[in-house]
Amino acid sequence: MRRIALTLTMLAVLGAAGCNKTPSDNPNQAATKAVHSVSGTVGLLKPRELSQQASMKIELVDASADGTQPLATKTISPVDQMPVQFTLDFDATKINPAHIYLVKVSLTDGERTFNMPVQAPVITRDAPAQVNIKLAANETPEEKMTGDFEKLKKNLGAYQISNGRQLEKDVSHGWQTFRNEAGKIVFVRENTDYGDKGFANTDYAYKDGKPWYVVMQRKPSQNARPSEVMRAGWDDAGNLVVKEHQASGKTTTMSDDEAAQLKSSAEAMLKLARDKSPAKKKR
């Protein structure tokens, strides 16, 4: 009887211990709740100089719950140097062990943005509380437009080609016109001889019958190196995106008047190519 009584007493004690067990006794939840901050560094995949306009935002977000507010946010502006060290403090009671949490970083420097090629999970599902993030630079709108223009130039051999020529007082114009399969002019390459006043090579690119990108090179003579290079490019809405002027070894921003002159020249060249091109030739 005494042994039975002792057994019953032990069962009662064990039962009471089981009833008093709290959620914090779960090892996974306890580990999650013990984390109150995440930290790390943010650097660049390819080092580059940043301007005083550079601004960075670092956020801790719940990737499993779209549309929710970040659990923590930090803004650094200006970004004086890279890499940047950071710490994000958060309310640990808002962490759901079943969810995925990410550190997201956005960096903007003028027209240039940077992205995270690799995600940075933290806190839950065996993810660390410390991360090392590398950012990659995206093309600026100007760089993308210039790259698209260079691709077009490389593929000019696939277009229908015709030649034209016009003589004016003290000026000689010669050009090649490039048309697509529909007969639309997409590119004109013009050579202009001003006699004693020099020479100019100009490439005009068009989209939907409107000037898209223009490069003008001015030279003392036909075979000389360019003494001046001007680039201008416009988006679909007609906004000036590329505006570069190179002269005397320096690159500056083209003035609005210079860009307007190039656009006017492109419109005039398009009309001339339409009106005076001879029979089309195919290379």
C-alpha atoms as a PDB file:
ATOM      1  CA  MET A   1       0.000   0.000   0.000  1.00  0.00           C
ATOM      2  CA  ARG A   2       2.805   2.377   0.861  1.00  0.00           C
ATOM      3  CA  ARG A   3       4.485   1.729  -2.523  1.00  0.00           C
ATOM      4  CA  ILE A   4       1.214   2.439  -4.355  1.00  0.00           C
ATOM      5  CA  ALA A   5       0.777   5.681  -2.422  1.00  0.00           C
ATOM      6  CA  LEU A   6       4.285   6.826  -3.335  1.00  0.00           C
ATOM      7  CA  THR A   7       3.655   6.067  -7.001  1.00  0.00           C
ATOM      8  CA  LEU A   8       0.463   8.097  -6.995  1.00  0.00           C
ATOM      9  CA  THR A   9       2.274  10.987  -5.333  1.00  0.00           C
ATOM     10  CA  MET A  10       5.023  10.968  -7.988  1.00  0.00           C
ATOM     11  CA  LEU A  11       2.457  10.957 -10.817  1.00  0.00           C
ATOM     12  CA  ALA A  12       0.724  13.928  -9.252  1.00  0.00           C
ATOM     13  CA  VAL A  13       3.995  15.870  -9.104  1.00  0.00           C
ATOM     14  CA  LEU A  14       4.840  15.068 -12.718  1.00  0.00           C
ATOM     15  CA  GLY A  15       1.368  16.062 -13.807  1.00  0.00           C
ATOM     16  CA  ALA A  16       1.644  19.394 -12.061  1.00  0.00           C
ATOM     17  CA  ALA A  17       4.997  20.046 -13.750  1.00  0.00           C
ATOM     18  CA  GLY A  18       3.449  19.348 -17.129  1.00  0.00           C
ATOM     19  CA  CYS A  19       0.570  21.754 -16.487  1.00  0.00           C
ATOM     20  CA  ASN A  20       2.969  24.540 -15.526  1.00  0.00           C
ATOM     21  CA  LYS A  21       4.995  24.282 -18.789  1.00  0.00           C
ATOM     22  CA  THR A  22       4.892  27.562 -20.761  1.00  0.00           C
ATOM     23  CA  PRO A  23       5.388  28.264 -24.512  1.00  0.00           C
ATOM     24  CA  SER A  24       8.799  29.720 -23.728  1.00  0.00           C
ATOM     25  CA  ASP A  25       9.957  26.217 -22.806  1.00  0.00           C
ATOM     26  CA  ASN A  26       9.802  25.358 -26.536  1.00  0.00           C
ATOM     27  CA  PRO A  27      13.484  25.499 -27.610  1.00  0.00           C
ATOM     28  CA  ASN A  28      12.704  26.974 -31.059  1.00  0.00           C
ATOM     29  CA  GLN A  29      10.507  29.753 -29.668  1.00  0.00           C
ATOM     30  CA  ALA A  30      12.967  30.454 -26.882  1.00  0.00           C
ATOM     31  CA  ALA A  31      15.788  30.851 -29.361  1.00  0.00           C
ATOM     32  CA  THR A  32      13.689  33.185 -31.505  1.00  0.00           C
ATOM     33  CA  LYS A  33      12.593  35.331 -28.569  1.00  0.00           C
ATOM     34  CA  ALA A  34      16.178  35.637 -27.383  1.00  0.00           C
ATOM     35  CA  VAL A  35      17.004  37.631 -30.553  1.00  0.00           C
ATOM     36  CA  HIS A  36      16.113  41.326 -30.271  1.00  0.00           C
ATOM     37  CA  SER A  37      18.259  42.707 -33.088  1.00  0.00           C
ATOM     38  CA  VAL A  38      19.965  41.857 -36.353  1.00  0.00           C
ATOM     39  CA  SER A  39      23.221  43.376 -37.540  1.00  0.00           C
ATOM     40  CA  GLY A  40      25.720  43.194 -40.341  1.00  0.00           C
ATOM     41  CA  THR A  41      27.515  45.072 -43.092  1.00  0.00           C
ATOM     42  CA  VAL A  42      26.500  46.410 -46.510  1.00  0.00           C
ATOM     43  CA  GLY A  43      29.129  46.707 -49.236  1.00  0.00           C
ATOM     44  CA  LEU A  44      29.387  46.864 -53.029  1.00  0.00           C
ATOM     45  CA  LEU A  45      30.187  43.954 -55.341  1.00  0.00           C
ATOM     46  CA  LYS A  46      32.321  46.340 -57.391  1.00  0.00           C
ATOM     47  CA  PRO A  47      33.804  49.266 -55.413  1.00  0.00           C
ATOM     48  CA  ARG A  48      32.929  52.706 -56.748  1.00  0.00           C
ATOM     49  CA  GLU A  49      32.817  56.281 -55.535  1.00  0.00           C
ATOM     50  CA  LEU A  50      29.513  57.515 -54.144  1.00  0.00           C
ATOM     51  CA  SER A  51      28.365  61.128 -54.220  1.00  0.00           C
ATOM     52  CA  GLN A  52      26.979  63.196 -51.370  1.00  0.00           C
ATOM     53  CA  GLN A  53      23.525  62.360 -52.765  1.00  0.00           C
ATOM     54  CA  ALA A  54      23.868  58.669 -51.841  1.00  0.00           C
ATOM     55  CA  SER A  55      21.119  57.482 -49.494  1.00  0.00           C
ATOM     56  CA  MET A  56      20.588  54.002 -48.039  1.00  0.00           C
ATOM     57  CA  LYS A  57      17.545  52.394 -46.432  1.00  0.00           C
ATOM     58  CA  ILE A  58      17.862  49.157 -44.436  1.00  0.00           C
ATOM     59  CA  GLU A  59      14.702  47.276 -43.410  1.00  0.00           C
ATOM     60  CA  LEU A  60      13.742  44.117 -41.554  1.00  0.00           C
ATOM     61  CA  VAL A  61      10.651  42.707 -43.267  1.00  0.00           C
ATOM     62  CA  ASP A  62       8.327  39.729 -42.867  1.00  0.00           C
ATOM     63  CA  ALA A  63       8.558  38.032 -46.265  1.00  0.00           C
ATOM     64  CA  SER A  64       5.707  35.676 -45.353  1.00  0.00           C
ATOM     65  CA  ALA A  65       3.205  38.501 -44.846  1.00  0.00           C
ATOM     66  CA  ASP A  66       2.895  40.759 -47.888  1.00  0.00           C
ATOM     67  CA  GLY A  67       1.934  44.353 -47.264  1.00  0.00           C
ATOM     68  CA  THR A  68       2.980  44.476 -43.608  1.00  0.00           C
ATOM     69  CA  GLN A  69       5.083  47.304 -42.261  1.00  0.00           C
ATOM     70  CA  PRO A  70       8.798  46.637 -41.684  1.00  0.00           C
ATOM     71  CA  LEU A  71       9.664  45.513 -38.173  1.00  0.00           C
ATOM     72  CA  ALA A  72      12.618  47.911 -38.162  1.00  0.00           C
ATOM     73  CA  THR A  73      13.986  50.580 -40.498  1.00  0.00           C
ATOM     74  CA  LYS A  74      17.200  52.572 -40.654  1.00  0.00           C
ATOM     75  CA  THR A  75      18.075  55.355 -43.111  1.00  0.00           C
ATOM     76  CA  ILE A  76      21.633  56.552 -43.727  1.00  0.00           C
ATOM     77  CA  SER A  77      22.115  59.768 -45.701  1.00  0.00           C
ATOM     78  CA  PRO A  78      24.569  60.650 -46.976  1.00  0.00           C
ATOM     79  CA  VAL A  79      26.470  57.375 -47.205  1.00  0.00           C
ATOM     80  CA  ASP A  80      29.991  58.557 -46.444  1.00  0.00           C
ATOM     81  CA  GLN A  81      31.818  55.322 -47.139  1.00  0.00           C
ATOM     82  CA  MET A  82      31.320  51.640 -47.822  1.00  0.00           C
ATOM     83  CA  PRO A  83      30.962  49.110 -46.313  1.00  0.00           C
ATOM     84  CA  VAL A  84      28.291  50.321 -43.890  1.00  0.00           C
ATOM     85  CA  GLN A  85      27.743  48.637 -40.525  1.00  0.00           C
ATOM     86  CA  PHE A  86      24.194  48.483 -39.176  1.00  0.00           C
ATOM     87  CA  THR A  87      22.062  47.196 -36.314  1.00  0.00           C
ATOM     88  CA  LEU A  88      18.277  46.887 -36.423  1.00  0.00           C
ATOM     89  CA  ASP A  89      16.449  46.527 -33.086  1.00  0.00           C
ATOM     90  CA  PHE A  90      12.956  45.023 -33.117  1.00  0.00           C
ATOM     91  CA  ASP A  91      10.169  43.749 -30.851  1.00  0.00           C
ATOM     92  CA  ALA A  92      10.877  40.023 -30.481  1.00  0.00           C
ATOM     93  CA  THR A  93       7.259  39.286 -29.511  1.00  0.00           C
ATOM     94  CA  LYS A  94       6.202  40.127 -33.093  1.00  0.00           C
ATOM     95  CA  ILE A  95       8.336  37.371 -34.583  1.00  0.00           C
ATOM     96  CA  ASN A  96       6.485  34.294 -35.854  1.00  0.00           C
ATOM     97  CA  PRO A  97       8.861  31.295 -35.871  1.00  0.00           C
ATOM     98  CA  ALA A  98       7.055  29.880 -38.917  1.00  0.00           C
ATOM     99  CA  HIS A  99       7.644  33.008 -41.011  1.00  0.00           C
ATOM    100  CA  ILE A 100      10.633  34.057 -43.129  1.00  0.00           C
ATOM    101  CA  TYR A 101      12.311  37.370 -42.308  1.00  0.00           C
ATOM    102  CA  LEU A 102      14.664  39.281 -44.591  1.00  0.00           C
ATOM    103  CA  VAL A 103      16.977  42.257 -44.354  1.00  0.00           C
ATOM    104  CA  LYS A 104      16.337  44.427 -47.409  1.00  0.00           C
ATOM    105  CA  VAL A 105      18.679  47.215 -48.490  1.00  0.00           C
ATOM    106  CA  SER A 106      18.086  49.931 -51.093  1.00  0.00           C
ATOM    107  CA  LEU A 107      20.792  52.389 -52.145  1.00  0.00           C
ATOM    108  CA  THR A 108      20.225  55.369 -54.421  1.00  0.00           C
ATOM    109  CA  ASP A 109      22.900  57.726 -55.705  1.00  0.00           C
ATOM    110  CA  GLY A 110      21.422  60.351 -58.022  1.00  0.00           C
ATOM    111  CA  GLU A 111      19.965  58.483 -61.002  1.00  0.00           C
ATOM    112  CA  ARG A 112      21.755  55.246 -60.091  1.00  0.00           C
ATOM    113  CA  THR A 113      20.114  52.549 -58.000  1.00  0.00           C
ATOM    114  CA  PHE A 114      21.621  49.393 -56.495  1.00  0.00           C
ATOM    115  CA  ASN A 115      20.049  45.974 -55.926  1.00  0.00           C
ATOM    116  CA  MET A 116      20.647  42.883 -53.796  1.00  0.00           C
ATOM    117  CA  PRO A 117      21.515  39.932 -56.084  1.00  0.00           C
ATOM    118  CA  VAL A 118      21.175  37.560 -53.091  1.00  0.00           C
ATOM    119  CA  GLN A 119      18.502  37.699 -50.381  1.00  0.00           C
ATOM    120  CA  ALA A 120      19.493  37.989 -46.719  1.00  0.00           C
ATOM    121  CA  PRO A 121      17.243  35.814 -44.484  1.00  0.00           C
ATOM    122  CA  VAL A 122      17.591  36.273 -40.719  1.00  0.00           C
ATOM    123  CA  ILE A 123      16.272  35.108 -37.322  1.00  0.00           C
ATOM    124  CA  THR A 124      14.000  32.131 -38.086  1.00  0.00           C
ATOM    125  CA  ARG A 125      14.477  28.719 -39.703  1.00  0.00           C
ATOM    126  CA  ASP A 126      18.103  28.490 -38.611  1.00  0.00           C
ATOM    127  CA  ALA A 127      18.929  31.822 -40.314  1.00  0.00           C
ATOM    128  CA  PRO A 128      21.616  33.950 -38.602  1.00  0.00           C
ATOM    129  CA  ALA A 129      21.150  37.246 -36.800  1.00  0.00           C
ATOM    130  CA  GLN A 130      24.165  38.738 -38.575  1.00  0.00           C
ATOM    131  CA  VAL A 131      24.508  39.138 -42.358  1.00  0.00           C
ATOM    132  CA  ASN A 132      27.005  40.441 -44.910  1.00  0.00           C
ATOM    133  CA  ILE A 133      25.188  42.051 -47.852  1.00  0.00           C
ATOM    134  CA  LYS A 134      26.684  42.994 -51.224  1.00  0.00           C
ATOM    135  CA  LEU A 135      24.922  45.392 -53.604  1.00  0.00           C
ATOM    136  CA  ALA A 136      25.182  45.516 -57.390  1.00  0.00           C
ATOM    137  CA  ALA A 137      24.868  48.750 -59.377  1.00  0.00           C
ATOM    138  CA  ASN A 138      21.991  49.025 -61.856  1.00  0.00           C
ATOM    139  CA  GLU A 139      22.311  50.861 -65.157  1.00  0.00           C
ATOM    140  CA  THR A 140      21.192  54.459 -65.114  1.00  0.00           C
ATOM    141  CA  PRO A 141      18.562  55.448 -67.719  1.00  0.00           C
ATOM    142  CA  GLU A 142      21.371  57.225 -69.611  1.00  0.00           C
ATOM    143  CA  GLU A 143      23.591  54.133 -69.608  1.00  0.00           C
ATOM    144  CA  LYS A 144      20.755  51.874 -70.731  1.00  0.00           C
ATOM    145  CA  MET A 145      19.804  54.176 -73.604  1.00  0.00           C
ATOM    146  CA  THR A 146      23.432  54.475 -74.716  1.00  0.00           C
ATOM    147  CA  GLY A 147      23.825  50.694 -74.546  1.00  0.00           C
ATOM    148  CA  ASP A 148      20.704  50.169 -76.674  1.00  0.00           C
ATOM    149  CA  PHE A 149      22.037  52.686 -79.202  1.00  0.00           C
ATOM    150  CA  GLU A 150      25.378  50.860 -79.451  1.00  0.00           C
ATOM    151  CA  LYS A 151      23.541  47.546 -79.994  1.00  0.00           C
ATOM    152  CA  LEU A 152      21.569  49.131 -82.831  1.00  0.00           C
ATOM    153  CA  LYS A 153      24.796  50.333 -84.470  1.00  0.00           C
ATOM    154  CA  LYS A 154      26.276  46.821 -84.333  1.00  0.00           C
ATOM    155  CA  ASN A 155      23.248  45.400 -86.167  1.00  0.00           C
ATOM    156  CA  LEU A 156      22.956  47.974 -88.957  1.00  0.00           C
ATOM    157  CA  GLY A 157      23.998  45.375 -91.531  1.00  0.00           C
ATOM    158  CA  ALA A 158      20.621  43.691 -91.150  1.00  0.00           C
ATOM    159  CA  TYR A 159      18.738  46.765 -92.426  1.00  0.00           C
ATOM    160  CA  GLN A 160      17.956  48.032 -95.929  1.00  0.00           C
ATOM    161  CA  ILE A 161      20.518  50.646 -96.936  1.00  0.00           C
ATOM    162  CA  SER A 162      20.318  53.560 -99.355  1.00  0.00           C
ATOM    163  CA  ASN A 163      22.623  56.504-100.023  1.00  0.00           C
ATOM    164  CA  GLY A 164      22.009  60.178-100.554  1.00  0.00           C
ATOM    165  CA  ARG A 165      23.989  63.312-101.320  1.00  0.00           C
ATOM    166  CA  GLN A 166      23.316  67.027-101.393  1.00  0.00           C
ATOM    167  CA  LEU A 167      25.540  69.992-102.232  1.00  0.00           C
ATOM    168  CA  GLU A 168      25.041  73.442-100.762  1.00  0.00           C
ATOM    169  CA  LYS A 169      27.150  76.576-100.826  1.00  0.00           C
ATOM    170  CA  ASP A 170      30.447  75.723 -99.111  1.00  0.00           C
ATOM    171  CA  VAL A 171      28.874  72.575 -97.585  1.00  0.00           C
ATOM    172  CA  SER A 172      28.662  69.003 -98.857  1.00  0.00           C
ATOM    173  CA  HIS A 173      26.323  66.421 -97.306  1.00  0.00           C
ATOM    174  CA  GLY A 174      26.470  62.671 -97.808  1.00  0.00           C
ATOM    175  CA  TRP A 175      24.452  60.093 -95.889  1.00  0.00           C
ATOM    176  CA  GLN A 176      23.407  56.467 -95.535  1.00  0.00           C
ATOM    177  CA  THR A 177      19.846  55.625 -94.596  1.00  0.00           C
ATOM    178  CA  PHE A 178      18.935  52.385 -92.801  1.00  0.00           C
ATOM    179  CA  ARG A 179      15.351  51.082 -92.986  1.00  0.00           C
ATOM    180  CA  ASN A 180      13.655  48.162 -91.282  1.00  0.00           C
ATOM    181  CA  GLU A 181      11.565  45.518 -93.069  1.00  0.00           C
ATOM    182  CA  ALA A 182       8.541  47.801 -92.944  1.00  0.00           C
ATOM    183  CA  GLY A 183      10.486  50.534 -94.762  1.00  0.00           C
ATOM    184  CA  LYS A 184      10.702  52.803 -91.706  1.00  0.00           C
ATOM    185  CA  ILE A 185      13.897  54.792 -91.201  1.00  0.00           C
ATOM    186  CA  VAL A 186      15.641  53.725 -88.000  1.00  0.00           C
ATOM    187  CA  PHE A 187      19.111  55.172 -88.546  1.00  0.00           C
ATOM    188  CA  VAL A 188      20.921  57.768 -90.676  1.00  0.00           C
ATOM    189  CA  ARG A 189      24.674  58.262 -90.799  1.00  0.00           C
ATOM    190  CA  GLU A 190      25.656  61.675 -92.167  1.00  0.00           C
ATOM    191  CA  ASN A 191      29.040  63.072 -93.207  1.00  0.00           C
ATOM    192  CA  THR A 192      29.221  66.838 -93.609  1.00  0.00           C
ATOM    193  CA  ASP A 193      32.179  68.629 -95.169  1.00  0.00           C
ATOM    194  CA  TYR A 194      32.385  72.332 -94.276  1.00  0.00           C
ATOM    195  CA  GLY A 195      35.565  72.912 -96.266  1.00  0.00           C
ATOM    196  CA  ASP A 196      38.058  75.022 -94.331  1.00  0.00           C
ATOM    197  CA  LYS A 197      35.678  75.065 -91.351  1.00  0.00           C
ATOM    198  CA  GLY A 198      36.057  71.355 -90.655  1.00  0.00           C
ATOM    199  CA  PHE A 199      34.141  68.123 -90.887  1.00  0.00           C
ATOM    200  CA  ALA A 200      31.322  66.431 -88.957  1.00  0.00           C
ATOM    201  CA  ASN A 201      30.147  62.825 -88.574  1.00  0.00           C
ATOM    202  CA  THR A 202      26.646  62.477 -87.168  1.00  0.00           C
ATOM    203  CA  ASP A 203      24.672  59.341 -86.292  1.00  0.00           C
ATOM    204  CA  TYR A 204      20.911  59.773 -85.989  1.00  0.00           C
ATOM    205  CA  ALA A 205      18.705  57.022 -84.516  1.00  0.00           C
ATOM    206  CA  TYR A 206      14.905  57.140 -84.669  1.00  0.00           C
ATOM    207  CA  LYS A 207      11.975  55.443 -82.956  1.00  0.00           C
ATOM    208  CA  ASP A 208       8.428  55.680 -84.261  1.00  0.00           C
ATOM    209  CA  GLY A 209       9.464  58.424 -86.684  1.00  0.00           C
ATOM    210  CA  LYS A 210      10.936  60.640 -83.959  1.00  0.00           C
ATOM    211  CA  PRO A 211      14.543  61.435 -82.959  1.00  0.00           C
ATOM    212  CA  TRP A 212      15.735  58.985 -80.304  1.00  0.00           C
ATOM    213  CA  TYR A 213      19.521  59.271 -80.073  1.00  0.00           C
ATOM    214  CA  VAL A 214      22.080  61.540 -81.786  1.00  0.00           C
ATOM    215  CA  VAL A 215      25.890  61.516 -81.705  1.00  0.00           C
ATOM    216  CA  MET A 216      27.736  64.340 -83.463  1.00  0.00           C
ATOM    217  CA  GLN A 217      31.528  64.360 -83.823  1.00  0.00           C
ATOM    218  CA  ARG A 218      33.253  67.500 -85.051  1.00  0.00           C
ATOM    219  CA  LYS A 219      36.758  67.308 -86.543  1.00  0.00           C
ATOM    220  CA  PRO A 220      39.282  69.714 -88.057  1.00  0.00           C
ATOM    221  CA  SER A 221      39.403  67.407 -91.098  1.00  0.00           C
ATOM    222  CA  GLN A 222      37.833  64.170 -92.280  1.00  0.00           C
ATOM    223  CA  ASN A 223      40.565  61.866 -90.966  1.00  0.00           C
ATOM    224  CA  ALA A 224      41.407  63.812 -87.802  1.00  0.00           C
ATOM    225  CA  ARG A 225      40.443  62.801 -84.274  1.00  0.00           C
ATOM    226  CA  PRO A 226      37.214  64.385 -82.975  1.00  0.00           C
ATOM    227  CA  SER A 227      37.749  67.695 -81.241  1.00  0.00           C
ATOM    228  CA  GLU A 228      34.192  67.714 -79.907  1.00  0.00           C
ATOM    229  CA  VAL A 229      31.564  65.013 -79.308  1.00  0.00           C
ATOM    230  CA  MET A 230      27.948  65.681 -78.401  1.00  0.00           C
ATOM    231  CA  ARG A 231      25.400  63.045 -77.373  1.00  0.00           C
ATOM    232  CA  ALA A 232      21.681  63.524 -76.850  1.00  0.00           C
ATOM    233  CA  GLY A 233      18.899  60.991 -76.315  1.00  0.00           C
ATOM    234  CA  TRP A 234      15.160  61.295 -75.671  1.00  0.00           C
ATOM    235  CA  ASP A 235      12.691  58.842 -74.135  1.00  0.00           C
ATOM    236  CA  ASP A 236       9.249  57.985 -75.535  1.00  0.00           C
ATOM    237  CA  ALA A 237       7.740  61.055 -73.871  1.00  0.00           C
ATOM    238  CA  GLY A 238      10.349  63.356 -75.442  1.00  0.00           C
ATOM    239  CA  ASN A 239      12.261  63.928 -72.193  1.00  0.00           C
ATOM    240  CA  LEU A 240      16.000  64.501 -72.547  1.00  0.00           C
ATOM    241  CA  VAL A 241      17.810  61.532 -70.956  1.00  0.00           C
ATOM    242  CA  VAL A 242      21.291  61.646 -72.510  1.00  0.00           C
ATOM    243  CA  LYS A 243      22.970  65.076 -72.529  1.00  0.00           C
ATOM    244  CA  GLU A 244      26.730  64.780 -72.793  1.00  0.00           C
ATOM    245  CA  HIS A 245      29.253  67.201 -74.245  1.00  0.00           C
ATOM    246  CA  GLN A 246      32.925  66.246 -74.604  1.00  0.00           C
ATOM    247  CA  ALA A 247      35.532  68.832 -75.549  1.00  0.00           C
ATOM    248  CA  SER A 248      39.160  69.569 -74.618  1.00  0.00           C
ATOM    249  CA  GLY A 249      39.352  66.303 -72.668  1.00  0.00           C
ATOM    250  CA  LYS A 250      36.443  67.240 -70.397  1.00  0.00           C
ATOM    251  CA  THR A 251      32.917  65.827 -70.200  1.00  0.00           C
ATOM    252  CA  THR A 252      30.136  68.202 -69.209  1.00  0.00           C
ATOM    253  CA  THR A 253      26.359  68.278 -69.287  1.00  0.00           C
ATOM    254  CA  MET A 254      24.967  69.480 -72.579  1.00  0.00           C
ATOM    255  CA  SER A 255      22.879  72.630 -72.451  1.00  0.00           C
ATOM    256  CA  ASP A 256      19.194  72.545 -73.352  1.00  0.00           C
ATOM    257  CA  ASP A 257      19.889  74.768 -76.367  1.00  0.00           C
ATOM    258  CA  GLU A 258      22.545  72.376 -77.701  1.00  0.00           C
ATOM    259  CA  ALA A 259      20.187  69.430 -77.254  1.00  0.00           C
ATOM    260  CA  ALA A 260      17.393  71.299 -79.016  1.00  0.00           C
ATOM    261  CA  GLN A 261      19.722  72.027 -81.951  1.00  0.00           C
ATOM    262  CA  LEU A 262      20.641  68.337 -82.265  1.00  0.00           C
ATOM    263  CA  LYS A 263      16.979  67.352 -82.175  1.00  0.00           C
ATOM    264  CA  SER A 264      16.163  69.914 -84.857  1.00  0.00           C
ATOM    265  CA  SER A 265      19.036  68.572 -86.993  1.00  0.00           C
ATOM    266  CA  ALA A 266      17.716  65.026 -86.535  1.00  0.00           C
ATOM    267  CA  GLU A 267      14.233  66.054 -87.673  1.00  0.00           C
ATOM    268  CA  ALA A 268      15.657  67.861 -90.715  1.00  0.00           C
ATOM    269  CA  MET A 269      17.860  64.865 -91.583  1.00  0.00           C
ATOM    270  CA  LEU A 270      14.889  62.512 -91.373  1.00  0.00           C
ATOM    271  CA  LYS A 271      12.898  64.671 -93.794  1.00  0.00           C
ATOM    272  CA  LEU A 272      15.879  64.937 -96.163  1.00  0.00           C
ATOM    273  CA  ALA A 273      16.448  61.166 -96.106  1.00  0.00           C
ATOM    274  CA  ARG A 274      12.785  60.530 -96.850  1.00  0.00           C
ATOM    275  CA  ASP A 275      12.599  63.033 -99.666  1.00  0.00           C
ATOM    276  CA  LYS A 276      15.891  62.478-101.488  1.00  0.00           C
ATOM    277  CA  SER A 277      16.980  58.884-100.955  1.00  0.00           C
ATOM    278  CA  PRO A 278      17.403  56.956-104.232  1.00  0.00           C
ATOM    279  CA  ALA A 279      16.199  53.404-104.776  1.00  0.00           C
ATOM    280  CA  LYS A 280      16.762  51.194-101.726  1.00  0.00           C
ATOM    281  CA  LYS A 281      19.685  48.830-101.625  1.00  0.00           C
ATOM    282  CA  LYS A 282      20.117  45.758 -99.510  1.00  0.00           C
ATOM    283  CA  ARG A 283      23.538  44.764 -98.191  1.00  0.00           C
END
